[in-house]
């Protein structure tokens, strides 16, 4: 492990080393921003999107079509540090490929998802 865990926090590790910490209340806090691949993928009509933010702040998770048009906003609010999960309901969307993007505290990442009817 590189560096000590601050007092009052517990390390969360996998085989590659520490991936986050847990505070005294049991809330897991990631060491870095992350957005996971949605599941299931492909999906019909709902899918789950999980992401982690290491510090509190404004978080947005938006879904775009292939032309870059915003088709859904899942999150657009201040969120505490930790791991979060949102569900996308694609019942009003057409079959096809979409992208979802996490933006928070200067971080941005995009992943692809597919809706199949």
Protein backbone atom coordinates (compact mmCIF):
# COMPACT_ATOMS: atom_id res chain seq x y z
CA UNK A 1 0.00 0.00 0.00
CA UNK A 2 1.36 3.44 -0.88
CA UNK A 3 0.82 5.96 1.90
CA UNK A 4 -1.11 5.63 5.10
CA UNK A 5 -4.88 5.81 5.41
CA UNK A 6 -5.99 8.93 7.33
CA UNK A 7 -7.23 8.34 10.90
CA UNK A 8 -10.89 7.32 11.07
CA UNK A 9 -10.86 5.76 7.58
CA UNK A 10 -10.53 2.13 6.52
CA UNK A 11 -8.80 1.13 3.25
CA UNK A 12 -10.76 -0.71 0.57
CA UNK A 13 -8.41 -2.84 -1.51
CA UNK A 14 -8.46 -5.25 -4.43
CA UNK A 15 -5.57 -7.33 -5.79
CA UNK A 16 -4.02 -4.24 -7.41
CA UNK A 17 -3.98 -2.22 -4.18
CA UNK A 18 -6.19 0.41 -2.53
CA UNK A 19 -9.18 1.60 -4.56
CA UNK A 20 -10.91 3.71 -1.93
CA UNK A 21 -11.50 4.33 1.73
CA UNK A 22 -14.42 3.88 4.08
CA UNK A 23 -15.30 6.46 6.70
CA UNK A 24 -16.43 5.71 10.25
CA UNK A 25 -20.08 5.57 9.15
CA UNK A 26 -19.31 2.81 6.64
CA UNK A 27 -19.66 5.01 3.56
CA UNK A 28 -17.19 3.94 0.86
CA UNK A 29 -15.30 6.80 -0.79
CA UNK A 30 -13.39 6.14 -4.04
CA UNK A 31 -9.82 7.40 -4.45
CA UNK A 32 -10.56 8.65 -8.00
CA UNK A 33 -13.50 9.49 -10.25
CA UNK A 34 -14.93 6.48 -12.06
CA UNK A 35 -17.89 5.56 -14.22
CA UNK A 36 -18.68 1.90 -14.73
CA UNK A 37 -20.08 0.17 -17.79
CA UNK A 38 -23.86 0.05 -17.58
CA UNK A 39 -25.59 -3.26 -16.94
CA UNK A 40 -27.26 -4.96 -18.56
CA UNK A 41 -25.86 -3.91 -21.91
CA UNK A 42 -27.57 -4.19 -24.35
CA UNK A 43 -30.70 -3.32 -22.38
CA UNK A 44 -34.48 -3.13 -22.73
CA UNK A 45 -36.01 -1.00 -21.27
CA UNK A 46 -33.89 -0.14 -18.19
CA UNK A 47 -30.19 -0.21 -17.36
CA UNK A 48 -28.12 0.70 -14.31
CA UNK A 49 -25.23 3.18 -14.38
CA UNK A 50 -22.83 3.31 -11.42
CA UNK A 51 -20.19 5.92 -10.72
CA UNK A 52 -17.88 7.07 -7.96
CA UNK A 53 -16.84 10.57 -6.91
CA UNK A 54 -13.99 11.05 -4.42
CA UNK A 55 -15.17 14.45 -3.20
CA UNK A 56 -18.50 16.26 -2.95
CA UNK A 57 -19.54 18.63 -5.71
CA UNK A 58 -21.75 19.20 -8.72
CA UNK A 59 -22.21 15.95 -10.67
CA UNK A 60 -23.91 15.52 -14.03
CA UNK A 61 -24.69 12.27 -15.82
CA UNK A 62 -26.28 12.80 -19.21
CA UNK A 63 -27.24 10.49 -22.08
CA UNK A 64 -26.69 11.43 -25.74
CA UNK A 65 -27.69 9.92 -29.07
CA UNK A 66 -25.23 9.28 -31.92
CA UNK A 67 -25.70 12.83 -33.20
CA UNK A 68 -24.70 14.29 -29.83
CA UNK A 69 -28.19 15.39 -28.85
CA UNK A 70 -28.96 15.14 -25.15
CA UNK A 71 -31.80 12.65 -24.65
CA UNK A 72 -31.78 12.29 -20.85
CA UNK A 73 -30.30 13.83 -17.71
CA UNK A 74 -29.92 11.30 -14.91
CA UNK A 75 -28.07 13.53 -12.45
CA UNK A 76 -27.57 17.30 -12.29
CA UNK A 77 -27.00 18.14 -8.64
CA UNK A 78 -24.50 18.27 -5.81
CA UNK A 79 -23.59 14.78 -4.64
CA UNK A 80 -21.50 13.70 -1.64
CA UNK A 81 -18.29 11.73 -2.06
CA UNK A 82 -19.01 8.04 -2.55
CA UNK A 83 -20.43 5.51 -4.95
CA UNK A 84 -23.75 6.23 -6.65
CA UNK A 85 -26.15 4.32 -8.91
CA UNK A 86 -28.75 5.63 -11.34
CA UNK A 87 -31.27 3.82 -13.54
CA UNK A 88 -31.91 4.88 -17.13
CA UNK A 89 -35.44 4.15 -18.37
CA UNK A 90 -35.17 3.83 -22.15
CA UNK A 91 -38.86 3.12 -22.74
CA UNK A 92 -39.24 6.44 -24.62
CA UNK A 93 -36.05 6.03 -26.67
CA UNK A 94 -35.56 4.33 -30.02
CA UNK A 95 -33.40 1.26 -30.40
CA UNK A 96 -29.79 2.14 -31.02
CA UNK A 97 -26.44 3.20 -29.62
CA UNK A 98 -26.22 5.95 -27.02
CA UNK A 99 -23.47 7.48 -24.91
CA UNK A 100 -23.55 8.49 -21.26
CA UNK A 101 -21.18 11.02 -19.74
CA UNK A 102 -20.16 11.74 -16.15
CA UNK A 103 -18.87 15.25 -15.39
CA UNK A 104 -17.73 16.31 -11.93
CA UNK A 105 -15.06 18.62 -10.52
CA UNK A 106 -13.22 18.94 -13.85
CA UNK A 107 -13.43 15.18 -14.59
CA UNK A 108 -15.27 13.87 -17.65
CA UNK A 109 -15.71 10.32 -18.93
CA UNK A 110 -18.00 8.81 -21.55
CA UNK A 111 -19.20 5.24 -22.12
CA UNK A 112 -21.34 3.61 -24.80
CA UNK A 113 -24.60 1.74 -24.25
CA UNK A 114 -27.08 -0.02 -26.54
CA UNK A 115 -30.86 -0.16 -26.37
CA UNK A 116 -32.38 -3.14 -28.19
CA UNK A 117 -36.13 -3.59 -28.60
